[in-house]
C-alpha atoms as a PDB file:
ATOM      1  CA  MET A   1       0.000   0.000   0.000  1.00  0.00           C
ATOM      2  CA  ILE A   2       1.021   3.649  -0.413  1.00  0.00           C
ATOM      3  CA  ARG A   3       2.342   5.415   2.689  1.00  0.00           C
ATOM      4  CA  SER A   4       3.160   9.108   3.179  1.00  0.00           C
ATOM      5  CA  VAL A   5       6.769   9.067   4.353  1.00  0.00           C
ATOM      6  CA  VAL A   6       8.571  12.025   5.969  1.00  0.00           C
ATOM      7  CA  ARG A   7      11.540  13.080   3.845  1.00  0.00           C
ATOM      8  CA  GLY A   8      12.571  16.313   5.573  1.00  0.00           C
ATOM      9  CA  THR A   9      11.769  18.869   8.268  1.00  0.00           C
ATOM     10  CA  GLY A  10      12.432  22.580   8.632  1.00  0.00           C
ATOM     11  CA  ALA A  11      11.676  25.573  10.826  1.00  0.00           C
ATOM     12  CA  ALA A  12      11.855  29.362  10.869  1.00  0.00           C
ATOM     13  CA  LEU A  13      11.565  31.829  13.741  1.00  0.00           C
ATOM     14  CA  PRO A  14      11.397  35.628  13.814  1.00  0.00           C
ATOM     15  CA  ARG A  15      14.562  37.453  14.820  1.00  0.00           C
ATOM     16  CA  ARG A  16      13.127  39.100  17.937  1.00  0.00           C
ATOM     17  CA  ILE A  17      12.935  37.114  21.167  1.00  0.00           C
ATOM     18  CA  MET A  18      10.546  38.439  23.812  1.00  0.00           C
ATOM     19  CA  LYS A  19      11.215  37.223  27.373  1.00  0.00           C
ATOM     20  CA  ASN A  20       8.597  36.998  30.106  1.00  0.00           C
ATOM     21  CA  ALA A  21      10.226  39.899  31.918  1.00  0.00           C
ATOM     22  CA  ASP A  22       9.527  42.115  28.904  1.00  0.00           C
ATOM     23  CA  PHE A  23       5.817  42.028  29.765  1.00  0.00           C
ATOM     24  CA  GLU A  24       6.301  43.406  33.269  1.00  0.00           C
ATOM     25  CA  GLY A  25       6.077  47.023  32.104  1.00  0.00           C
ATOM     26  CA  MET A  26       3.127  46.337  29.778  1.00  0.00           C
ATOM     27  CA  VAL A  27       0.596  44.369  31.835  1.00  0.00           C
ATOM     28  CA  GLU A  28       0.267  43.228  35.444  1.00  0.00           C
ATOM     29  CA  THR A  29       2.330  40.043  35.350  1.00  0.00           C
ATOM     30  CA  SER A  30       5.773  38.633  36.083  1.00  0.00           C
ATOM     31  CA  ASP A  31       8.246  36.103  34.752  1.00  0.00           C
ATOM     32  CA  GLU A  32       7.438  33.824  37.710  1.00  0.00           C
ATOM     33  CA  TRP A  33       3.663  34.090  37.187  1.00  0.00           C
ATOM     34  CA  ILE A  34       3.878  33.212  33.473  1.00  0.00           C
ATOM     35  CA  ALA A  35       6.416  30.401  33.896  1.00  0.00           C
ATOM     36  CA  GLN A  36       4.563  28.714  36.787  1.00  0.00           C
ATOM     37  CA  ARG A  37       1.205  28.700  35.022  1.00  0.00           C
ATOM     38  CA  THR A  38       2.287  27.932  31.463  1.00  0.00           C
ATOM     39  CA  GLY A  39       5.888  26.750  31.327  1.00  0.00           C
ATOM     40  CA  ILE A  40       6.674  29.559  28.854  1.00  0.00           C
ATOM     41  CA  ARG A  41       9.954  31.455  29.257  1.00  0.00           C
ATOM     42  CA  GLN A  42      10.154  33.272  25.922  1.00  0.00           C
ATOM     43  CA  ARG A  43       8.578  33.566  22.485  1.00  0.00           C
ATOM     44  CA  HIS A  44       9.556  35.002  19.074  1.00  0.00           C
ATOM     45  CA  ILE A  45       7.684  38.057  17.747  1.00  0.00           C
ATOM     46  CA  ALA A  46       7.589  38.922  14.041  1.00  0.00           C
ATOM     47  CA  ALA A  47       8.910  42.266  12.815  1.00  0.00           C
ATOM     48  CA  ASP A  48       7.059  44.260  10.157  1.00  0.00           C
ATOM     49  CA  ASP A  49       9.065  42.557   7.394  1.00  0.00           C
ATOM     50  CA  GLU A  50       8.382  39.066   8.783  1.00  0.00           C
ATOM     51  CA  THR A  51       5.020  37.594   7.779  1.00  0.00           C
ATOM     52  CA  THR A  52       3.231  34.262   7.728  1.00  0.00           C
ATOM     53  CA  ALA A  53       4.320  33.901   4.090  1.00  0.00           C
ATOM     54  CA  SER A  54       7.985  34.786   4.639  1.00  0.00           C
ATOM     55  CA  LEU A  55       8.296  32.526   7.683  1.00  0.00           C
ATOM     56  CA  GLY A  56       6.472  29.733   5.847  1.00  0.00           C
ATOM     57  CA  GLU A  57       8.788  30.102   2.879  1.00  0.00           C
ATOM     58  CA  ALA A  58      11.880  29.904   5.081  1.00  0.00           C
ATOM     59  CA  ALA A  59      10.604  26.790   6.867  1.00  0.00           C
ATOM     60  CA  ALA A  60       9.691  25.212   3.518  1.00  0.00           C
ATOM     61  CA  ARG A  61      13.156  25.879   2.082  1.00  0.00           C
ATOM     62  CA  ALA A  62      14.751  24.344   5.177  1.00  0.00           C
ATOM     63  CA  ALA A  63      12.568  21.224   4.861  1.00  0.00           C
ATOM     64  CA  LEU A  64      13.358  20.904   1.148  1.00  0.00           C
ATOM     65  CA  ALA A  65      17.085  21.198   1.863  1.00  0.00           C
ATOM     66  CA  ASP A  66      16.806  18.546   4.582  1.00  0.00           C
ATOM     67  CA  ALA A  67      15.024  16.272   2.094  1.00  0.00           C
ATOM     68  CA  GLY A  68      17.550  16.949  -0.675  1.00  0.00           C
ATOM     69  CA  LEU A  69      14.751  18.200  -2.923  1.00  0.00           C
ATOM     70  CA  THR A  70      13.813  21.402  -4.786  1.00  0.00           C
ATOM     71  CA  PRO A  71      10.451  23.121  -5.328  1.00  0.00           C
ATOM     72  CA  ASP A  72      10.326  21.409  -8.734  1.00  0.00           C
ATOM     73  CA  ASP A  73       9.889  18.095  -6.898  1.00  0.00           C
ATOM     74  CA  ILE A  74       6.758  19.227  -5.016  1.00  0.00           C
ATOM     75  CA  ASP A  75       3.212  18.648  -6.298  1.00  0.00           C
ATOM     76  CA  LEU A  76       1.186  20.266  -3.518  1.00  0.00           C
ATOM     77  CA  ILE A  77       1.587  22.789  -0.699  1.00  0.00           C
ATOM     78  CA  VAL A  78      -0.812  22.622   2.262  1.00  0.00           C
ATOM     79  CA  LEU A  79      -0.407  25.572   4.621  1.00  0.00           C
ATOM     80  CA  ALA A  80      -1.996  25.451   8.069  1.00  0.00           C
ATOM     81  CA  THR A  81      -2.568  28.982   9.342  1.00  0.00           C
ATOM     82  CA  SER A  82      -5.094  31.202  11.100  1.00  0.00           C
ATOM     83  CA  THR A  83      -3.112  34.365  10.349  1.00  0.00           C
ATOM     84  CA  PRO A  84      -2.893  34.560   6.537  1.00  0.00           C
ATOM     85  CA  ASN A  85      -1.153  37.422   4.776  1.00  0.00           C
ATOM     86  CA  ASN A  86      -4.426  38.331   3.040  1.00  0.00           C
ATOM     87  CA  THR A  87      -8.069  37.367   3.354  1.00  0.00           C
ATOM     88  CA  PHE A  88      -7.494  35.926  -0.119  1.00  0.00           C
ATOM     89  CA  PRO A  89      -5.760  34.519  -2.027  1.00  0.00           C
ATOM     90  CA  ALA A  90      -4.497  31.662   0.117  1.00  0.00           C
ATOM     91  CA  THR A  91      -1.102  32.396   1.632  1.00  0.00           C
ATOM     92  CA  ALA A  92      -0.052  28.966   0.349  1.00  0.00           C
ATOM     93  CA  VAL A  93      -0.067  30.309  -3.217  1.00  0.00           C
ATOM     94  CA  GLU A  94       2.101  33.238  -2.115  1.00  0.00           C
ATOM     95  CA  ILE A  95       4.582  30.764  -0.646  1.00  0.00           C
ATOM     96  CA  GLN A  96       4.326  28.738  -3.863  1.00  0.00           C
ATOM     97  CA  ASN A  97       5.294  31.844  -5.842  1.00  0.00           C
ATOM     98  CA  ARG A  98       8.083  32.767  -3.422  1.00  0.00           C
ATOM     99  CA  LEU A  99       9.547  29.302  -3.951  1.00  0.00           C
ATOM    100  CA  GLY A 100       9.447  29.793  -7.725  1.00  0.00           C
ATOM    101  CA  MET A 101       6.995  26.910  -8.053  1.00  0.00           C
ATOM    102  CA  HIS A 102       4.640  27.443 -11.006  1.00  0.00           C
ATOM    103  CA  HIS A 103       3.152  23.968 -11.248  1.00  0.00           C
ATOM    104  CA  GLY A 104       1.000  21.835  -8.955  1.00  0.00           C
ATOM    105  CA  PHE A 105      -1.448  23.373  -6.508  1.00  0.00           C
ATOM    106  CA  ALA A 106      -1.564  24.977  -3.085  1.00  0.00           C
ATOM    107  CA  PHE A 107      -4.175  25.858  -0.484  1.00  0.00           C
ATOM    108  CA  ASP A 108      -4.582  27.002   3.131  1.00  0.00           C
ATOM    109  CA  MET A 109      -6.147  24.944   5.905  1.00  0.00           C
ATOM    110  CA  GLN A 110      -7.765  26.649   8.898  1.00  0.00           C
ATOM    111  CA  ALA A 111      -8.196  24.589  12.056  1.00  0.00           C
ATOM    112  CA  VAL A 112      -6.335  26.974  14.392  1.00  0.00           C
ATOM    113  CA  CYS A 113      -3.857  25.118  16.639  1.00  0.00           C
ATOM    114  CA  SER A 114      -4.927  21.743  15.214  1.00  0.00           C
ATOM    115  CA  GLY A 115      -4.180  22.988  11.700  1.00  0.00           C
ATOM    116  CA  PHE A 116      -0.899  21.143  11.198  1.00  0.00           C
ATOM    117  CA  VAL A 117      -2.352  17.806  12.340  1.00  0.00           C
ATOM    118  CA  TYR A 118      -5.314  18.351  10.001  1.00  0.00           C
ATOM    119  CA  ALA A 119      -2.910  19.327   7.186  1.00  0.00           C
ATOM    120  CA  VAL A 120      -0.699  16.240   7.582  1.00  0.00           C
ATOM    121  CA  THR A 121      -3.797  14.036   7.499  1.00  0.00           C
ATOM    122  CA  THR A 122      -5.105  15.861   4.417  1.00  0.00           C
ATOM    123  CA  ALA A 123      -1.756  15.594   2.616  1.00  0.00           C
ATOM    124  CA  ASP A 124      -1.705  11.873   3.403  1.00  0.00           C
ATOM    125  CA  LEU A 125      -5.078  11.447   1.696  1.00  0.00           C
ATOM    126  CA  TYR A 126      -3.891  13.297  -1.427  1.00  0.00           C
ATOM    127  CA  ILE A 127      -0.793  11.093  -1.584  1.00  0.00           C
ATOM    128  CA  ARG A 128      -2.651   7.838  -1.008  1.00  0.00           C
ATOM    129  CA  GLY A 129      -5.297   8.953  -3.504  1.00  0.00           C
ATOM    130  CA  GLY A 130      -2.640   9.412  -6.186  1.00  0.00           C
ATOM    131  CA  LEU A 131      -3.161  13.168  -6.682  1.00  0.00           C
ATOM    132  CA  ALA A 132       0.284  14.091  -5.348  1.00  0.00           C
ATOM    133  CA  LYS A 133       3.598  12.309  -4.939  1.00  0.00           C
ATOM    134  CA  ARG A 134       5.365  14.885  -2.764  1.00  0.00           C
ATOM    135  CA  VAL A 135       3.688  17.440  -0.485  1.00  0.00           C
ATOM    136  CA  LEU A 136       5.046  20.375   1.486  1.00  0.00           C
ATOM    137  CA  VAL A 137       3.043  20.598   4.719  1.00  0.00           C
ATOM    138  CA  ILE A 138       3.615  23.903   6.490  1.00  0.00           C
ATOM    139  CA  GLY A 139       2.365  25.439   9.727  1.00  0.00           C
ATOM    140  CA  SER A 140       3.048  29.186   9.848  1.00  0.00           C
ATOM    141  CA  GLU A 141       1.590  31.814  12.156  1.00  0.00           C
ATOM    142  CA  THR A 142       1.988  35.438  13.209  1.00  0.00           C
ATOM    143  CA  PHE A 143      -0.374  35.446  16.184  1.00  0.00           C
ATOM    144  CA  SER A 144       1.273  38.613  17.507  1.00  0.00           C
ATOM    145  CA  ARG A 145      -0.808  40.461  14.880  1.00  0.00           C
ATOM    146  CA  ILE A 146      -4.119  39.432  16.490  1.00  0.00           C
ATOM    147  CA  LEU A 147      -3.261  39.773  20.177  1.00  0.00           C
ATOM    148  CA  ASP A 148      -4.719  42.363  22.519  1.00  0.00           C
ATOM    149  CA  TRP A 149      -1.478  43.490  24.152  1.00  0.00           C
ATOM    150  CA  SER A 150      -3.392  44.895  27.137  1.00  0.00           C
ATOM    151  CA  ASP A 151      -4.938  41.479  27.971  1.00  0.00           C
ATOM    152  CA  ARG A 152      -2.481  39.655  30.221  1.00  0.00           C
ATOM    153  CA  SER A 153      -4.490  36.420  30.049  1.00  0.00           C
ATOM    154  CA  THR A 154      -3.693  35.996  26.340  1.00  0.00           C
ATOM    155  CA  CYS A 155      -0.819  38.225  25.200  1.00  0.00           C
ATOM    156  CA  VAL A 156       1.785  36.334  27.256  1.00  0.00           C
ATOM    157  CA  LEU A 157       0.851  32.962  25.769  1.00  0.00           C
ATOM    158  CA  PHE A 158       1.462  33.258  22.041  1.00  0.00           C
ATOM    159  CA  GLY A 159       4.389  33.624  19.668  1.00  0.00           C
ATOM    160  CA  ASP A 160       5.206  33.548  15.972  1.00  0.00           C
ATOM    161  CA  GLY A 161       7.019  30.995  13.825  1.00  0.00           C
ATOM    162  CA  ALA A 162       6.800  28.317  11.153  1.00  0.00           C
ATOM    163  CA  GLY A 163       7.608  24.655  10.674  1.00  0.00           C
ATOM    164  CA  ALA A 164       7.381  22.331   7.683  1.00  0.00           C
ATOM    165  CA  LEU A 165       7.521  18.702   6.584  1.00  0.00           C
ATOM    166  CA  VAL A 166       8.049  17.117   3.183  1.00  0.00           C
ATOM    167  CA  LEU A 167       5.881  14.024   2.735  1.00  0.00           C
ATOM    168  CA  GLU A 168       6.586  11.606  -0.113  1.00  0.00           C
ATOM    169  CA  ALA A 169       4.720   8.572  -1.439  1.00  0.00           C
ATOM    170  CA  GLY A 170       6.392   5.309  -0.473  1.00  0.00           C
ATOM    171  CA  GLU A 171       5.465   1.636  -0.493  1.00  0.00           C
ATOM    172  CA  GLY A 172       4.442  -0.145   2.669  1.00  0.00           C
ATOM    173  CA  ALA A 173       3.281  -3.616   3.611  1.00  0.00           C
ATOM    174  CA  GLY A 174       0.234  -2.272   5.433  1.00  0.00           C
ATOM    175  CA  THR A 175       1.620  -3.018   8.911  1.00  0.00           C
ATOM    176  CA  ILE A 176       2.607  -0.943  11.910  1.00  0.00           C
ATOM    177  CA  ALA A 177       6.246  -1.448  10.873  1.00  0.00           C
ATOM    178  CA  ASP A 178       5.763   0.695   7.726  1.00  0.00           C
ATOM    179  CA  ARG A 179       7.397   4.113   7.573  1.00  0.00           C
ATOM    180  CA  GLY A 180       5.009   7.019   7.102  1.00  0.00           C
ATOM    181  CA  VAL A 181       1.587   8.124   8.326  1.00  0.00           C
ATOM    182  CA  LEU A 182      -0.062   5.108   9.960  1.00  0.00           C
ATOM    183  CA  ALA A 183      -3.285   6.336  11.602  1.00  0.00           C
ATOM    184  CA  ALA A 184      -5.132   9.501  12.548  1.00  0.00           C
ATOM    185  CA  SER A 185      -8.206  10.779  14.348  1.00  0.00           C
ATOM    186  CA  LEU A 186      -9.741  14.244  13.849  1.00  0.00           C
ATOM    187  CA  ARG A 187     -12.591  15.924  15.714  1.00  0.00           C
ATOM    188  CA  SER A 188     -14.365  19.250  16.077  1.00  0.00           C
ATOM    189  CA  ASP A 189     -17.325  20.636  17.976  1.00  0.00           C
ATOM    190  CA  GLY A 190     -18.554  24.162  17.250  1.00  0.00           C
ATOM    191  CA  VAL A 191     -20.506  24.393  20.498  1.00  0.00           C
ATOM    192  CA  HIS A 192     -17.232  25.548  22.058  1.00  0.00           C
ATOM    193  CA  LYS A 193     -16.631  28.408  19.617  1.00  0.00           C
ATOM    194  CA  ASP A 194     -16.966  31.211  22.166  1.00  0.00           C
ATOM    195  CA  LYS A 195     -14.321  29.706  24.463  1.00  0.00           C
ATOM    196  CA  LEU A 196     -11.464  30.517  22.061  1.00  0.00           C
ATOM    197  CA  PHE A 197     -12.014  32.800  19.077  1.00  0.00           C
ATOM    198  CA  VAL A 198     -11.086  36.051  17.316  1.00  0.00           C
ATOM    199  CA  ASP A 199     -13.700  38.798  17.678  1.00  0.00           C
ATOM    200  CA  GLY A 200     -13.505  39.993  14.063  1.00  0.00           C
ATOM    201  CA  GLY A 201     -13.696  38.900  10.454  1.00  0.00           C
ATOM    202  CA  PRO A 202     -14.586  40.068   6.933  1.00  0.00           C
ATOM    203  CA  SER A 203     -18.202  38.857   7.090  1.00  0.00           C
ATOM    204  CA  THR A 204     -19.010  40.133  10.588  1.00  0.00           C
ATOM    205  CA  THR A 205     -17.061  43.202  11.682  1.00  0.00           C
ATOM    206  CA  GLY A 206     -14.979  43.920   8.603  1.00  0.00           C
ATOM    207  CA  THR A 207     -11.913  43.964  10.873  1.00  0.00           C
ATOM    208  CA  VAL A 208      -9.167  41.527  11.780  1.00  0.00           C
ATOM    209  CA  GLY A 209     -10.153  41.474  15.457  1.00  0.00           C
ATOM    210  CA  HIS A 210      -8.330  40.182  18.519  1.00  0.00           C
ATOM    211  CA  LEU A 211      -7.932  36.769  20.101  1.00  0.00           C
ATOM    212  CA  ARG A 212     -10.270  36.091  23.033  1.00  0.00           C
ATOM    213  CA  MET A 213     -10.066  33.082  25.325  1.00  0.00           C
ATOM    214  CA  GLU A 214     -11.757  31.607  28.386  1.00  0.00           C
ATOM    215  CA  GLY A 215      -8.599  30.012  29.715  1.00  0.00           C
ATOM    216  CA  ARG A 216     -10.160  27.900  32.456  1.00  0.00           C
ATOM    217  CA  GLU A 217     -12.753  26.488  30.060  1.00  0.00           C
ATOM    218  CA  VAL A 218     -10.105  25.583  27.490  1.00  0.00           C
ATOM    219  CA  PHE A 219      -7.995  23.870  30.151  1.00  0.00           C
ATOM    220  CA  LYS A 220     -11.040  22.022  31.511  1.00  0.00           C
ATOM    221  CA  HIS A 221     -11.812  20.440  28.133  1.00  0.00           C
ATOM    222  CA  ALA A 222      -8.290  20.018  26.758  1.00  0.00           C
ATOM    223  CA  VAL A 223      -7.006  16.894  28.504  1.00  0.00           C
ATOM    224  CA  GLY A 224     -10.171  14.854  27.920  1.00  0.00           C
ATOM    225  CA  MET A 225     -10.434  15.812  24.256  1.00  0.00           C
ATOM    226  CA  ILE A 226      -6.750  15.156  23.612  1.00  0.00           C
ATOM    227  CA  THR A 227      -6.840  11.702  25.195  1.00  0.00           C
ATOM    228  CA  ASP A 228     -10.023  10.869  23.253  1.00  0.00           C
ATOM    229  CA  VAL A 229      -8.409  11.260  19.806  1.00  0.00           C
ATOM    230  CA  ILE A 230      -5.130   9.713  20.902  1.00  0.00           C
ATOM    231  CA  GLU A 231      -6.853   6.594  22.202  1.00  0.00           C
ATOM    232  CA  ALA A 232      -8.820   6.392  18.934  1.00  0.00           C
ATOM    233  CA  THR A 233      -5.540   6.631  16.989  1.00  0.00           C
ATOM    234  CA  PHE A 234      -3.937   3.946  19.161  1.00  0.00           C
ATOM    235  CA  SER A 235      -6.950   1.701  18.543  1.00  0.00           C
ATOM    236  CA  ALA A 236      -6.809   2.242  14.765  1.00  0.00           C
ATOM    237  CA  ALA A 237      -3.105   1.352  14.713  1.00  0.00           C
ATOM    238  CA  GLY A 238      -3.376  -1.513  17.187  1.00  0.00           C
ATOM    239  CA  ILE A 239      -0.808  -0.078  19.602  1.00  0.00           C
ATOM    240  CA  SER A 240      -0.572   1.312  23.139  1.00  0.00           C
ATOM    241  CA  ALA A 241       1.297   4.210  24.711  1.00  0.00           C
ATOM    242  CA  ALA A 242       4.122   1.832  25.590  1.00  0.00           C
ATOM    243  CA  ASP A 243       4.865   1.338  21.873  1.00  0.00           C
ATOM    244  CA  LEU A 244       5.586   5.036  21.269  1.00  0.00           C
ATOM    245  CA  ASP A 245       9.099   6.380  20.936  1.00  0.00           C
ATOM    246  CA  TRP A 246       8.058  10.055  21.005  1.00  0.00           C
ATOM    247  CA  PHE A 247       5.003  12.155  21.824  1.00  0.00           C
ATOM    248  CA  VAL A 248       4.993  15.586  20.143  1.00  0.00           C
ATOM    249  CA  PRO A 249       2.004  17.518  21.495  1.00  0.00           C
ATOM    250  CA  HIS A 250       0.741  20.991  20.708  1.00  0.00           C
ATOM    251  CA  GLN A 251       2.820  23.416  22.747  1.00  0.00           C
ATOM    252  CA  ALA A 252       0.184  25.533  24.473  1.00  0.00           C
ATOM    253  CA  ASN A 253       0.681  24.961  28.173  1.00  0.00           C
ATOM    254  CA  LYS A 254       3.129  22.725  30.050  1.00  0.00           C
ATOM    255  CA  ARG A 255       0.450  21.724  32.556  1.00  0.00           C
ATOM    256  CA  ILE A 256      -1.835  20.458  29.771  1.00  0.00           C
ATOM    257  CA  ILE A 257       1.060  18.558  28.184  1.00  0.00           C
ATOM    258  CA  ASP A 258       2.014  16.929  31.508  1.00  0.00           C
ATOM    259  CA  ALA A 259      -1.574  16.050  32.442  1.00  0.00           C
ATOM    260  CA  SER A 260      -2.277  14.521  29.015  1.00  0.00           C
ATOM    261  CA  ALA A 261       0.886  12.407  29.035  1.00  0.00           C
ATOM    262  CA  LYS A 262       0.167  11.210  32.567  1.00  0.00           C
ATOM    263  CA  LYS A 263      -3.432  10.255  31.764  1.00  0.00           C
ATOM    264  CA  LEU A 264      -2.299   8.331  28.675  1.00  0.00           C
ATOM    265  CA  GLY A 265       0.580   6.607  30.453  1.00  0.00           C
ATOM    266  CA  ILE A 266       3.235   8.175  28.223  1.00  0.00           C
ATOM    267  CA  ALA A 267       6.587   8.369  29.994  1.00  0.00           C
ATOM    268  CA  GLU A 268       7.870  11.893  30.644  1.00  0.00           C
ATOM    269  CA  GLN A 269      11.163  11.190  28.853  1.00  0.00           C
ATOM    270  CA  LYS A 270       9.230  10.463  25.635  1.00  0.00           C
ATOM    271  CA  VAL A 271       7.506  13.868  25.543  1.00  0.00           C
ATOM    272  CA  VAL A 272       8.964  16.647  23.352  1.00  0.00           C
ATOM    273  CA  VAL A 273       8.491  20.024  25.045  1.00  0.00           C
ATOM    274  CA  THR A 274       9.402  23.354  23.417  1.00  0.00           C
ATOM    275  CA  VAL A 275       6.701  25.600  24.885  1.00  0.00           C
ATOM    276  CA  ASP A 276       9.362  27.231  27.070  1.00  0.00           C
ATOM    277  CA  LEU A 277      11.205  28.424  23.950  1.00  0.00           C
ATOM    278  CA  HIS A 278       8.371  29.299  21.549  1.00  0.00           C
ATOM    279  CA  GLY A 279       5.174  29.823  23.526  1.00  0.00           C
ATOM    280  CA  ASN A 280       1.985  28.826  21.719  1.00  0.00           C
ATOM    281  CA  THR A 281       2.582  29.254  17.979  1.00  0.00           C
ATOM    282  CA  SER A 282      -0.761  27.685  16.996  1.00  0.00           C
ATOM    283  CA  ALA A 283      -0.435  25.669  13.755  1.00  0.00           C
ATOM    284  CA  ALA A 284       3.358  26.131  13.794  1.00  0.00           C
ATOM    285  CA  SER A 285       3.636  24.564  17.250  1.00  0.00           C
ATOM    286  CA  VAL A 286       3.877  20.864  16.345  1.00  0.00           C
ATOM    287  CA  PRO A 287       6.231  21.206  13.338  1.00  0.00           C
ATOM    288  CA  LEU A 288       8.497  23.558  15.333  1.00  0.00           C
ATOM    289  CA  ALA A 289       8.707  20.988  18.137  1.00  0.00           C
ATOM    290  CA  LEU A 290       9.326  18.236  15.580  1.00  0.00           C
ATOM    291  CA  SER A 291      12.146  20.177  13.942  1.00  0.00           C
ATOM    292  CA  VAL A 292      13.866  20.705  17.305  1.00  0.00           C
ATOM    293  CA  ALA A 293      13.653  17.015  18.226  1.00  0.00           C
ATOM    294  CA  VAL A 294      14.867  15.902  14.785  1.00  0.00           C
ATOM    295  CA  ALA A 295      17.724  18.412  14.741  1.00  0.00           C
ATOM    296  CA  ASP A 296      19.016  17.413  18.186  1.00  0.00           C
ATOM    297  CA  GLY A 297      18.919  13.721  17.274  1.00  0.00           C
ATOM    298  CA  ARG A 298      16.066  12.558  19.505  1.00  0.00           C
ATOM    299  CA  ILE A 299      13.708  11.571  16.693  1.00  0.00           C
ATOM    300  CA  LYS A 300      15.417   9.068  14.386  1.00  0.00           C
ATOM    301  CA  LYS A 301      14.458   7.026  11.347  1.00  0.00           C
ATOM    302  CA  GLY A 302      12.149   4.196  12.351  1.00  0.00           C
ATOM    303  CA  ASP A 303      10.848   5.880  15.518  1.00  0.00           C
ATOM    304  CA  LEU A 304       7.120   5.773  16.224  1.00  0.00           C
ATOM    305  CA  VAL A 305       5.971   9.372  16.735  1.00  0.00           C
ATOM    306  CA  LEU A 306       2.571  10.649  17.879  1.00  0.00           C
ATOM    307  CA  LEU A 307       1.497  14.197  16.981  1.00  0.00           C
ATOM    308  CA  GLU A 308      -1.432  15.858  18.759  1.00  0.00           C
ATOM    309  CA  ALA A 309      -3.114  19.253  18.891  1.00  0.00           C
ATOM    310  CA  MET A 310      -6.235  21.089  20.044  1.00  0.00           C
ATOM    311  CA  GLY A 311      -7.409  24.508  18.878  1.00  0.00           C
ATOM    312  CA  GLY A 312     -10.227  27.022  18.755  1.00  0.00           C
ATOM    313  CA  GLY A 313     -13.566  25.808  17.516  1.00  0.00           C
ATOM    314  CA  PHE A 314     -12.884  23.460  19.229  1.00  0.00           C
ATOM    315  CA  THR A 315     -10.849  21.335  16.849  1.00  0.00           C
ATOM    316  CA  TRP A 316      -8.604  18.516  17.970  1.00  0.00           C
ATOM    317  CA  GLY A 317      -6.727  15.611  16.437  1.00  0.00           C
ATOM    318  CA  ALA A 318      -3.859  13.134  16.520  1.00  0.00           C
ATOM    319  CA  VAL A 319      -1.736  11.459  13.870  1.00  0.00           C
ATOM    320  CA  LEU A 320       0.698   8.559  14.232  1.00  0.00           C
ATOM    321  CA  VAL A 321       3.835   8.517  12.072  1.00  0.00           C
ATOM    322  CA  ARG A 322       6.652   6.011  11.703  1.00  0.00           C
ATOM    323  CA  TRP A 323       9.649   8.261  11.057  1.00  0.00           C
END
């Protein structure tokens, strides 16, 4: 059977690093308060000349270089983002043009923080369906553009950045030993919309708006929803938490990451954590964490890796990959 195999990874971060202490003169908070409640120590903030498209392009080029490929080898670009450069066209086509790629097709996917997990699953379907042989899957965000910098409950949580994967069609035997995407589970429930949303949009206010969040409500639902899709993915693949080599969760809050791993029985040493370095970068969160763990040698060829995320909507999902 056809499997979607990871060929390369890449990442890009804005030049500016903003430490927790930098917020102390802006809102009523402190480095200790932020770190204790979230695990975040710093985040990267995009300058005026750094956009979702430019960061996505840089991450894509890094992933292509890691794969030993060029844009000519790519058939499809799927960009996960909630902060596009324009309302339309899709920022994916801008990245396509920046790469000098004038063939194939490209589109954006909007599932907020779950966007990259949704995008990997979507790319896998295009590959297995025969419509693409190689796909660039990118998560790129500039959430600093939609933050209310006077709201201490949200502005300290988010950062900017991009990460990317190159997926390529490969042959597998149809077993858990195959390399590539092995199983996935995706969910959403719009009843939770008002718990995490942006209070603007072209069809409602005609403005971009700002991010709004009921933090306690998000936390209350997060662990249960995350474990739900992970257990469904385990069941589909016929494995248990003990079989995993690495767990790469969405980097939103260290307490949510720890609670989810504990509930699932995933050993702490198997969990990739980068929230302290990047904050919550929404759809860029998982690929940024992946790129760190691949670059430092933790994730190796043949490892069984679980990706997971939850975002506004709510959306949530998990995907299992043999590296």
